[in-house]
């Protein structure tokens, strides 16, 4: 995402492009999710026969969409914040707030989630966790792998935002000195 006429480091644009591409690809899970829900509803209410594994698959699709969406929102700069205040700030103030928010809130929080997500995944892998329901999905470690993977993606997106903020702040400082 290019700031107003600013040159951004390649690291930022590459990370953002990758995460936005991944988000676009993952969006297709919405279509599969809707189709799965429709089939499950028809099976349950028209034929009187629901499938546990399909219901669990719906939860898994929704989880992947939500988790990948976290990094996508950060990379696309569509994350939640108090825009009623933020939009009235100068560009330098916006970048400073984003910089401190990424360093002191996003990075520590998602680093903790990444650390514990790896433990969560390791435990699921070690015990070969699967559905408690007899006809549910096996290999729950697959879905649990998305937790540390997406936490890493959020950290990458936050690092790109940090580099971007520092770059823009330097450019603003240079512009002020020149003119």
N, C-alpha and C. Protein backbone atom coordinates (compact mmCIF):
# COMPACT_ATOMS: atom_id res chain seq x y z
N UNK A 1 0.84 -1.17 0.00
CA UNK A 1 0.00 0.00 0.00
C UNK A 1 0.88 1.23 0.00
N UNK A 2 0.80 2.05 -1.00
CA UNK A 2 1.66 3.21 -1.17
C UNK A 2 1.09 4.40 -0.42
N UNK A 3 1.91 5.06 0.41
CA UNK A 3 1.50 6.28 1.08
C UNK A 3 1.47 7.39 0.05
N UNK A 4 0.78 8.46 0.36
CA UNK A 4 0.60 9.60 -0.55
C UNK A 4 1.92 10.06 -1.15
N UNK A 5 2.24 9.60 -2.35
CA UNK A 5 3.42 10.06 -3.06
C UNK A 5 4.74 9.73 -2.40
N UNK A 6 4.77 8.81 -1.51
CA UNK A 6 5.99 8.47 -0.78
C UNK A 6 6.60 7.21 -1.36
N UNK A 7 7.92 7.17 -1.34
CA UNK A 7 8.64 5.96 -1.75
C UNK A 7 8.80 5.07 -0.52
N UNK A 8 8.29 3.86 -0.61
CA UNK A 8 8.37 2.94 0.52
C UNK A 8 9.43 1.88 0.26
N UNK A 9 10.10 1.44 1.31
CA UNK A 9 11.11 0.38 1.14
C UNK A 9 10.49 -0.88 0.53
N UNK A 10 11.31 -1.58 -0.23
CA UNK A 10 10.84 -2.79 -0.91
C UNK A 10 10.34 -3.84 0.07
N UNK A 11 10.95 -3.89 1.27
CA UNK A 11 10.52 -4.83 2.30
C UNK A 11 9.02 -4.64 2.58
N UNK A 12 8.61 -3.40 2.74
CA UNK A 12 7.20 -3.11 3.04
C UNK A 12 6.28 -3.54 1.91
N UNK A 13 6.62 -3.13 0.71
CA UNK A 13 5.75 -3.45 -0.42
C UNK A 13 5.70 -4.94 -0.71
N UNK A 14 6.82 -5.63 -0.51
CA UNK A 14 6.85 -7.08 -0.74
C UNK A 14 5.99 -7.83 0.28
N UNK A 15 6.15 -7.48 1.55
CA UNK A 15 5.36 -8.13 2.61
C UNK A 15 3.88 -7.85 2.39
N UNK A 16 3.55 -6.58 2.16
CA UNK A 16 2.14 -6.22 1.95
C UNK A 16 1.55 -6.93 0.73
N UNK A 17 2.32 -7.00 -0.34
CA UNK A 17 1.82 -7.65 -1.56
C UNK A 17 1.58 -9.14 -1.30
N UNK A 18 2.51 -9.79 -0.59
CA UNK A 18 2.34 -11.21 -0.29
C UNK A 18 1.11 -11.45 0.57
N UNK A 19 0.95 -10.65 1.62
CA UNK A 19 -0.18 -10.85 2.53
C UNK A 19 -1.50 -10.51 1.83
N UNK A 20 -1.50 -9.47 1.01
CA UNK A 20 -2.72 -9.15 0.27
C UNK A 20 -3.06 -10.25 -0.75
N UNK A 21 -2.04 -10.83 -1.38
CA UNK A 21 -2.28 -11.95 -2.29
C UNK A 21 -2.86 -13.14 -1.52
N UNK A 22 -2.26 -13.44 -0.37
CA UNK A 22 -2.73 -14.55 0.45
C UNK A 22 -4.17 -14.30 0.91
N UNK A 23 -4.47 -13.06 1.27
CA UNK A 23 -5.84 -12.71 1.66
C UNK A 23 -6.82 -12.88 0.51
N UNK A 24 -6.40 -12.50 -0.68
CA UNK A 24 -7.26 -12.65 -1.86
C UNK A 24 -7.53 -14.12 -2.17
N UNK A 25 -6.50 -14.93 -2.06
CA UNK A 25 -6.66 -16.37 -2.29
C UNK A 25 -7.57 -16.97 -1.22
N UNK A 26 -7.35 -16.58 0.00
CA UNK A 26 -8.14 -17.12 1.11
C UNK A 26 -9.60 -16.71 1.02
N UNK A 27 -9.87 -15.57 0.42
CA UNK A 27 -11.27 -15.12 0.26
C UNK A 27 -12.12 -16.14 -0.48
N UNK A 28 -11.48 -16.93 -1.33
CA UNK A 28 -12.25 -17.96 -2.05
C UNK A 28 -12.80 -19.02 -1.11
N UNK A 29 -12.25 -19.10 0.10
CA UNK A 29 -12.82 -20.02 1.08
C UNK A 29 -14.24 -19.62 1.45
N UNK A 30 -14.57 -18.33 1.30
CA UNK A 30 -15.94 -17.90 1.57
C UNK A 30 -16.93 -18.65 0.69
N UNK A 31 -16.61 -18.78 -0.58
CA UNK A 31 -17.51 -19.49 -1.50
C UNK A 31 -17.64 -20.96 -1.08
N UNK A 32 -16.51 -21.57 -0.74
CA UNK A 32 -16.54 -22.97 -0.30
C UNK A 32 -17.31 -23.10 1.01
N UNK A 33 -17.12 -22.13 1.91
CA UNK A 33 -17.82 -22.13 3.18
C UNK A 33 -19.33 -22.03 2.97
N UNK A 34 -19.77 -21.13 2.12
CA UNK A 34 -21.20 -20.98 1.85
C UNK A 34 -21.76 -22.25 1.22
N UNK A 35 -21.03 -22.81 0.28
CA UNK A 35 -21.49 -24.05 -0.35
C UNK A 35 -21.60 -25.18 0.69
N UNK A 36 -20.63 -25.28 1.56
CA UNK A 36 -20.65 -26.30 2.61
C UNK A 36 -21.85 -26.10 3.54
N UNK A 37 -22.13 -24.85 3.89
CA UNK A 37 -23.27 -24.55 4.76
C UNK A 37 -24.58 -24.92 4.07
N UNK A 38 -24.71 -24.57 2.80
CA UNK A 38 -25.94 -24.89 2.05
C UNK A 38 -26.13 -26.40 1.97
N UNK A 39 -25.08 -27.13 1.65
CA UNK A 39 -25.18 -28.59 1.57
C UNK A 39 -25.55 -29.16 2.94
N UNK A 40 -24.93 -28.65 4.00
CA UNK A 40 -25.23 -29.13 5.35
C UNK A 40 -26.69 -28.85 5.72
N UNK A 41 -27.20 -27.68 5.37
CA UNK A 41 -28.60 -27.33 5.66
C UNK A 41 -29.55 -28.25 4.89
N UNK A 42 -29.27 -28.48 3.61
CA UNK A 42 -30.11 -29.37 2.81
C UNK A 42 -30.08 -30.79 3.39
N UNK A 43 -28.89 -31.26 3.72
CA UNK A 43 -28.79 -32.61 4.29
C UNK A 43 -29.56 -32.71 5.61
N UNK A 44 -29.43 -31.71 6.46
CA UNK A 44 -30.05 -31.79 7.77
C UNK A 44 -31.56 -31.62 7.71
N UNK A 45 -32.04 -30.59 7.00
CA UNK A 45 -33.47 -30.28 7.06
C UNK A 45 -34.30 -30.92 5.95
N UNK A 46 -33.70 -31.18 4.81
CA UNK A 46 -34.46 -31.82 3.73
C UNK A 46 -34.38 -33.34 3.81
N UNK A 47 -33.19 -33.83 4.16
CA UNK A 47 -32.99 -35.28 4.19
C UNK A 47 -32.90 -35.84 5.61
N UNK A 48 -32.91 -34.95 6.61
CA UNK A 48 -32.87 -35.39 8.00
C UNK A 48 -31.57 -36.05 8.40
N UNK A 49 -30.49 -35.67 7.74
CA UNK A 49 -29.21 -36.34 7.99
C UNK A 49 -28.05 -35.33 7.92
N UNK A 50 -27.69 -34.78 9.08
CA UNK A 50 -26.56 -33.85 9.12
C UNK A 50 -25.24 -34.61 9.21
N UNK A 51 -24.17 -33.97 8.82
CA UNK A 51 -22.84 -34.57 8.86
C UNK A 51 -21.96 -33.78 9.83
N UNK A 52 -21.47 -34.45 10.85
CA UNK A 52 -20.62 -33.81 11.85
C UNK A 52 -19.35 -33.27 11.20
N UNK A 53 -18.75 -34.04 10.33
CA UNK A 53 -17.50 -33.61 9.71
C UNK A 53 -17.68 -32.35 8.87
N UNK A 54 -18.88 -32.19 8.26
CA UNK A 54 -19.13 -30.98 7.48
C UNK A 54 -19.29 -29.76 8.39
N UNK A 55 -19.94 -29.96 9.51
CA UNK A 55 -20.10 -28.86 10.47
C UNK A 55 -18.73 -28.43 11.00
N UNK A 56 -17.90 -29.39 11.32
CA UNK A 56 -16.56 -29.06 11.79
C UNK A 56 -15.74 -28.40 10.69
N UNK A 57 -15.92 -28.83 9.45
CA UNK A 57 -15.23 -28.21 8.32
C UNK A 57 -15.63 -26.75 8.17
N UNK A 58 -16.90 -26.46 8.40
CA UNK A 58 -17.36 -25.07 8.37
C UNK A 58 -16.61 -24.23 9.40
N UNK A 59 -16.47 -24.75 10.61
CA UNK A 59 -15.75 -24.03 11.67
C UNK A 59 -14.30 -23.81 11.26
N UNK A 60 -13.71 -24.82 10.64
CA UNK A 60 -12.32 -24.71 10.22
C UNK A 60 -12.14 -23.64 9.14
N UNK A 61 -13.04 -23.64 8.16
CA UNK A 61 -12.98 -22.61 7.10
C UNK A 61 -13.12 -21.22 7.70
N UNK A 62 -14.09 -21.08 8.59
CA UNK A 62 -14.31 -19.78 9.22
C UNK A 62 -13.08 -19.35 10.01
N UNK A 63 -12.46 -20.26 10.72
CA UNK A 63 -11.25 -19.94 11.50
C UNK A 63 -10.12 -19.48 10.60
N UNK A 64 -9.91 -20.17 9.49
CA UNK A 64 -8.85 -19.78 8.55
C UNK A 64 -9.13 -18.39 7.99
N UNK A 65 -10.38 -18.13 7.61
CA UNK A 65 -10.75 -16.82 7.09
C UNK A 65 -10.48 -15.73 8.11
N UNK A 66 -10.86 -15.97 9.33
CA UNK A 66 -10.65 -14.98 10.39
C UNK A 66 -9.17 -14.76 10.66
N UNK A 67 -8.41 -15.85 10.79
CA UNK A 67 -7.00 -15.73 11.12
C UNK A 67 -6.19 -15.05 10.02
N UNK A 68 -6.39 -15.45 8.78
CA UNK A 68 -5.67 -14.81 7.68
C UNK A 68 -6.14 -13.36 7.53
N UNK A 69 -7.41 -13.12 7.83
CA UNK A 69 -7.94 -11.77 7.77
C UNK A 69 -7.25 -10.81 8.72
N UNK A 70 -6.73 -11.31 9.84
CA UNK A 70 -6.00 -10.45 10.78
C UNK A 70 -4.80 -9.80 10.11
N UNK A 71 -3.98 -10.61 9.46
CA UNK A 71 -2.79 -10.06 8.80
C UNK A 71 -3.17 -9.22 7.59
N UNK A 72 -4.22 -9.62 6.89
CA UNK A 72 -4.67 -8.86 5.72
C UNK A 72 -5.11 -7.46 6.13
N UNK A 73 -5.88 -7.37 7.19
CA UNK A 73 -6.36 -6.05 7.65
C UNK A 73 -5.21 -5.15 8.05
N UNK A 74 -4.19 -5.71 8.66
CA UNK A 74 -3.05 -4.90 9.06
C UNK A 74 -2.25 -4.46 7.83
N UNK A 75 -2.04 -5.35 6.89
CA UNK A 75 -1.28 -5.01 5.67
C UNK A 75 -2.04 -4.00 4.80
N UNK A 76 -3.36 -4.14 4.74
CA UNK A 76 -4.18 -3.25 3.91
C UNK A 76 -4.58 -1.97 4.64
N UNK A 77 -4.15 -1.84 5.89
CA UNK A 77 -4.45 -0.68 6.73
C UNK A 77 -5.95 -0.48 6.90
N UNK A 78 -6.66 -1.58 7.11
CA UNK A 78 -8.10 -1.52 7.36
C UNK A 78 -8.44 -2.03 8.75
N UNK A 79 -7.43 -2.08 9.62
CA UNK A 79 -7.64 -2.56 10.98
C UNK A 79 -8.42 -1.53 11.80
N UNK A 80 -8.97 -1.96 12.90
CA UNK A 80 -9.80 -1.12 13.74
C UNK A 80 -8.93 -0.16 14.55
N UNK A 81 -9.32 1.09 14.53
CA UNK A 81 -8.71 2.10 15.39
C UNK A 81 -9.71 3.24 15.48
N UNK A 82 -9.39 4.24 16.23
CA UNK A 82 -10.31 5.37 16.39
C UNK A 82 -10.11 6.35 15.24
N UNK A 83 -10.64 6.00 14.07
CA UNK A 83 -10.47 6.83 12.89
C UNK A 83 -11.09 8.21 13.02
N UNK A 84 -12.07 8.37 13.92
CA UNK A 84 -12.66 9.70 14.07
C UNK A 84 -11.61 10.70 14.57
N UNK A 85 -10.63 10.22 15.32
CA UNK A 85 -9.53 11.09 15.74
C UNK A 85 -8.39 11.02 14.73
N UNK A 86 -8.07 9.81 14.31
CA UNK A 86 -6.91 9.54 13.45
C UNK A 86 -6.97 10.33 12.15
N UNK A 87 -8.14 10.45 11.55
CA UNK A 87 -8.24 11.11 10.24
C UNK A 87 -7.94 12.60 10.30
N UNK A 88 -8.04 13.20 11.49
CA UNK A 88 -7.77 14.63 11.63
C UNK A 88 -6.31 14.93 11.97
N UNK A 89 -5.52 13.91 12.22
CA UNK A 89 -4.12 14.11 12.57
C UNK A 89 -3.28 14.40 11.34
N UNK A 90 -2.14 15.03 11.56
CA UNK A 90 -1.18 15.23 10.47
C UNK A 90 -0.58 13.88 10.09
N UNK A 91 0.03 13.85 8.92
CA UNK A 91 0.63 12.60 8.45
C UNK A 91 1.71 12.12 9.43
N UNK A 92 2.51 13.05 9.93
CA UNK A 92 3.58 12.68 10.87
C UNK A 92 3.00 12.11 12.16
N UNK A 93 1.94 12.70 12.65
CA UNK A 93 1.32 12.21 13.89
C UNK A 93 0.71 10.83 13.68
N UNK A 94 0.07 10.63 12.52
CA UNK A 94 -0.51 9.31 12.20
C UNK A 94 0.57 8.24 12.18
N UNK A 95 1.69 8.54 11.51
CA UNK A 95 2.78 7.57 11.42
C UNK A 95 3.40 7.30 12.78
N UNK A 96 3.52 8.34 13.61
CA UNK A 96 4.08 8.17 14.94
C UNK A 96 3.18 7.28 15.79
N UNK A 97 1.88 7.52 15.73
CA UNK A 97 0.93 6.69 16.48
C UNK A 97 0.98 5.24 15.99
N UNK A 98 1.00 5.05 14.66
CA UNK A 98 1.10 3.69 14.11
C UNK A 98 2.39 3.01 14.56
N UNK A 99 3.49 3.76 14.54
CA UNK A 99 4.79 3.22 14.94
C UNK A 99 4.75 2.72 16.38
N UNK A 100 4.29 3.57 17.29
CA UNK A 100 4.24 3.17 18.69
C UNK A 100 3.21 2.07 18.94
N UNK A 101 2.10 2.13 18.23
CA UNK A 101 1.09 1.07 18.37
C UNK A 101 1.62 -0.29 17.95
N UNK A 102 2.36 -0.31 16.85
CA UNK A 102 2.93 -1.57 16.36
C UNK A 102 4.01 -2.10 17.31
N UNK A 103 4.86 -1.19 17.80
CA UNK A 103 5.98 -1.61 18.66
C UNK A 103 5.50 -2.05 20.04
N UNK A 104 4.60 -1.28 20.64
CA UNK A 104 4.24 -1.53 22.03
C UNK A 104 2.96 -2.33 22.23
N UNK A 105 2.16 -2.49 21.18
CA UNK A 105 0.93 -3.25 21.37
C UNK A 105 0.87 -4.48 20.46
N UNK A 106 1.03 -4.27 19.16
CA UNK A 106 0.85 -5.38 18.22
C UNK A 106 1.97 -6.42 18.36
N UNK A 107 3.23 -5.99 18.28
CA UNK A 107 4.34 -6.95 18.33
C UNK A 107 4.36 -7.77 19.62
N UNK A 108 4.25 -7.15 20.81
CA UNK A 108 4.27 -7.98 22.03
C UNK A 108 3.08 -8.95 22.10
N UNK A 109 1.88 -8.45 21.79
CA UNK A 109 0.69 -9.29 21.90
C UNK A 109 0.76 -10.48 20.95
N UNK A 110 1.08 -10.22 19.68
CA UNK A 110 1.09 -11.32 18.71
C UNK A 110 2.32 -12.21 18.86
N UNK A 111 3.39 -11.71 19.46
CA UNK A 111 4.54 -12.57 19.78
C UNK A 111 4.16 -13.58 20.85
N UNK A 112 3.40 -13.14 21.83
CA UNK A 112 2.91 -14.05 22.87
C UNK A 112 1.97 -15.09 22.25
N UNK A 113 1.07 -14.63 21.38
CA UNK A 113 0.16 -15.57 20.71
C UNK A 113 0.92 -16.56 19.84
N UNK A 114 1.97 -16.10 19.17
CA UNK A 114 2.79 -17.00 18.35
C UNK A 114 3.46 -18.05 19.24
N UNK A 115 4.05 -17.62 20.32
CA UNK A 115 4.74 -18.53 21.24
C UNK A 115 3.78 -19.61 21.77
N UNK A 116 2.63 -19.17 22.25
CA UNK A 116 1.68 -20.13 22.80
C UNK A 116 0.98 -20.93 21.70
N UNK A 117 0.84 -20.34 20.53
CA UNK A 117 0.26 -21.07 19.39
C UNK A 117 1.14 -22.23 18.96
N UNK A 118 2.47 -22.03 19.05
CA UNK A 118 3.38 -23.14 18.73
C UNK A 118 3.23 -24.28 19.72
N UNK A 119 3.06 -23.95 21.00
CA UNK A 119 2.82 -24.99 22.01
C UNK A 119 1.49 -25.71 21.74
N UNK A 120 0.50 -24.94 21.41
CA UNK A 120 -0.83 -25.48 21.10
C UNK A 120 -0.75 -26.46 19.94
N UNK A 121 -0.04 -26.06 18.89
CA UNK A 121 0.15 -26.91 17.71
C UNK A 121 0.96 -28.15 18.07
N UNK A 122 2.04 -27.98 18.82
CA UNK A 122 2.88 -29.12 19.20
C UNK A 122 2.10 -30.15 20.00
N UNK A 123 1.27 -29.68 20.91
CA UNK A 123 0.45 -30.60 21.71
C UNK A 123 -0.54 -31.35 20.83
N UNK A 124 -1.21 -30.63 19.94
CA UNK A 124 -2.18 -31.27 19.04
C UNK A 124 -1.50 -32.31 18.16
N UNK A 125 -0.30 -31.98 17.69
CA UNK A 125 0.46 -32.91 16.85
C UNK A 125 0.88 -34.14 17.66
N UNK A 126 1.41 -33.89 18.86
CA UNK A 126 1.94 -34.96 19.70
C UNK A 126 0.86 -35.98 20.08
N UNK A 127 -0.32 -35.52 20.41
CA UNK A 127 -1.38 -36.44 20.85
C UNK A 127 -2.29 -36.86 19.68
N UNK A 128 -1.94 -36.45 18.47
CA UNK A 128 -2.77 -36.74 17.29
C UNK A 128 -4.22 -36.35 17.54
N UNK A 129 -4.40 -35.11 17.99
CA UNK A 129 -5.73 -34.62 18.35
C UNK A 129 -6.68 -34.69 17.16
N UNK A 130 -7.87 -35.14 17.44
CA UNK A 130 -8.91 -35.19 16.42
C UNK A 130 -10.23 -34.86 17.10
N UNK A 131 -11.27 -34.87 16.32
CA UNK A 131 -12.60 -34.53 16.83
C UNK A 131 -13.03 -35.49 17.93
N UNK A 132 -13.70 -34.99 18.95
CA UNK A 132 -14.23 -35.89 19.98
C UNK A 132 -15.46 -36.67 19.48
N UNK A 133 -15.99 -36.25 18.34
CA UNK A 133 -17.15 -36.92 17.77
C UNK A 133 -16.70 -38.08 16.89
N UNK A 134 -17.39 -39.21 16.94
CA UNK A 134 -16.97 -40.38 16.19
C UNK A 134 -16.81 -40.15 14.68
N UNK A 135 -17.65 -39.31 14.10
CA UNK A 135 -17.57 -39.07 12.66
C UNK A 135 -17.02 -37.68 12.34
N UNK A 136 -16.29 -37.11 13.29
CA UNK A 136 -15.71 -35.79 13.09
C UNK A 136 -14.40 -35.84 12.32
N UNK A 137 -13.81 -34.69 12.16
CA UNK A 137 -12.57 -34.59 11.38
C UNK A 137 -11.35 -35.06 12.18
N UNK A 138 -10.44 -35.75 11.53
CA UNK A 138 -9.17 -36.13 12.18
C UNK A 138 -8.15 -34.99 12.00
N UNK A 139 -7.00 -35.16 12.55
CA UNK A 139 -5.85 -34.26 12.31
C UNK A 139 -6.15 -32.80 12.60
N UNK A 140 -6.58 -32.51 13.83
CA UNK A 140 -6.87 -31.12 14.17
C UNK A 140 -5.61 -30.26 14.21
N UNK A 141 -4.44 -30.88 14.17
CA UNK A 141 -3.21 -30.10 14.17
C UNK A 141 -3.12 -29.24 12.91
N UNK A 142 -3.81 -29.67 11.84
CA UNK A 142 -3.77 -28.88 10.59
C UNK A 142 -4.39 -27.51 10.82
N UNK A 143 -5.58 -27.48 11.42
CA UNK A 143 -6.22 -26.19 11.67
C UNK A 143 -5.46 -25.41 12.74
N UNK A 144 -4.93 -26.11 13.71
CA UNK A 144 -4.19 -25.42 14.77
C UNK A 144 -2.87 -24.86 14.27
N UNK A 145 -2.38 -25.36 13.15
CA UNK A 145 -1.16 -24.82 12.54
C UNK A 145 -1.39 -23.40 12.02
N UNK A 146 -2.62 -23.07 11.71
CA UNK A 146 -2.92 -21.73 11.22
C UNK A 146 -2.72 -20.67 12.30
N UNK A 147 -2.79 -21.06 13.55
CA UNK A 147 -2.63 -20.07 14.63
C UNK A 147 -1.21 -19.49 14.61
N UNK A 148 -0.15 -20.29 14.75
CA UNK A 148 1.18 -19.67 14.71
C UNK A 148 1.54 -19.10 13.34
N UNK A 149 1.06 -19.73 12.27
CA UNK A 149 1.37 -19.21 10.93
C UNK A 149 0.80 -17.81 10.77
N UNK A 150 -0.45 -17.62 11.14
CA UNK A 150 -1.05 -16.30 10.96
C UNK A 150 -0.53 -15.29 11.99
N UNK A 151 -0.15 -15.74 13.16
CA UNK A 151 0.47 -14.81 14.12
C UNK A 151 1.80 -14.31 13.55
N UNK A 152 2.53 -15.21 12.90
CA UNK A 152 3.78 -14.81 12.23
C UNK A 152 3.49 -13.81 11.11
N UNK A 153 2.44 -14.04 10.35
CA UNK A 153 2.07 -13.11 9.28
C UNK A 153 1.70 -11.74 9.84
N UNK A 154 0.99 -11.72 10.96
CA UNK A 154 0.64 -10.44 11.59
C UNK A 154 1.91 -9.73 12.04
N UNK A 155 2.85 -10.47 12.62
CA UNK A 155 4.12 -9.88 13.05
C UNK A 155 4.87 -9.32 11.84
N UNK A 156 4.89 -10.07 10.74
CA UNK A 156 5.52 -9.57 9.51
C UNK A 156 4.86 -8.29 9.02
N UNK A 157 3.53 -8.28 9.03
CA UNK A 157 2.79 -7.09 8.60
C UNK A 157 3.09 -5.91 9.52
N UNK A 158 3.20 -6.18 10.82
CA UNK A 158 3.53 -5.12 11.78
C UNK A 158 4.94 -4.60 11.56
N UNK A 159 5.89 -5.49 11.27
CA UNK A 159 7.25 -5.05 10.97
C UNK A 159 7.28 -4.18 9.71
N UNK A 160 6.49 -4.57 8.72
CA UNK A 160 6.41 -3.74 7.50
C UNK A 160 5.81 -2.38 7.82
N UNK A 161 4.81 -2.33 8.70
CA UNK A 161 4.21 -1.05 9.10
C UNK A 161 5.23 -0.20 9.88
N UNK A 162 6.06 -0.84 10.68
CA UNK A 162 7.09 -0.11 11.43
C UNK A 162 8.10 0.49 10.47
N UNK A 163 8.58 -0.32 9.55
CA UNK A 163 9.55 0.17 8.56
C UNK A 163 8.94 1.29 7.74
N UNK A 164 7.69 1.13 7.35
CA UNK A 164 6.98 2.16 6.59
C UNK A 164 6.90 3.46 7.39
N UNK A 165 6.49 3.36 8.66
CA UNK A 165 6.34 4.55 9.49
C UNK A 165 7.66 5.28 9.65
N UNK A 166 8.73 4.54 9.90
CA UNK A 166 10.05 5.16 10.05
C UNK A 166 10.47 5.82 8.75
N UNK A 167 10.24 5.15 7.63
CA UNK A 167 10.59 5.70 6.32
C UNK A 167 9.82 6.98 6.04
N UNK A 168 8.52 6.96 6.28
CA UNK A 168 7.70 8.15 6.01
C UNK A 168 8.10 9.29 6.95
N UNK A 169 8.36 8.98 8.22
CA UNK A 169 8.78 10.02 9.16
C UNK A 169 10.11 10.65 8.74
N UNK A 170 11.03 9.82 8.25
CA UNK A 170 12.30 10.36 7.74
C UNK A 170 12.06 11.26 6.54
N UNK A 171 11.19 10.83 5.63
CA UNK A 171 10.89 11.63 4.44
C UNK A 171 10.23 12.96 4.82
N UNK A 172 9.34 12.93 5.80
CA UNK A 172 8.69 14.16 6.25
C UNK A 172 9.73 15.11 6.86
N UNK A 173 10.62 14.55 7.67
CA UNK A 173 11.68 15.36 8.30
C UNK A 173 12.57 15.99 7.23
N UNK A 174 12.93 15.22 6.21
CA UNK A 174 13.75 15.74 5.11
C UNK A 174 13.02 16.84 4.36
N UNK A 175 11.74 16.65 4.09
CA UNK A 175 10.94 17.66 3.40
C UNK A 175 10.86 18.95 4.20
N UNK A 176 10.71 18.82 5.51
CA UNK A 176 10.63 20.01 6.36
C UNK A 176 11.94 20.77 6.37
N UNK A 177 13.06 20.04 6.36
CA UNK A 177 14.37 20.69 6.35
C UNK A 177 14.61 21.41 5.02
N UNK A 178 14.14 20.80 3.93
CA UNK A 178 14.37 21.37 2.60
C UNK A 178 13.42 22.50 2.29
N UNK A 179 12.31 22.51 2.96
CA UNK A 179 11.49 23.49 2.49
C UNK A 179 10.34 24.11 2.95
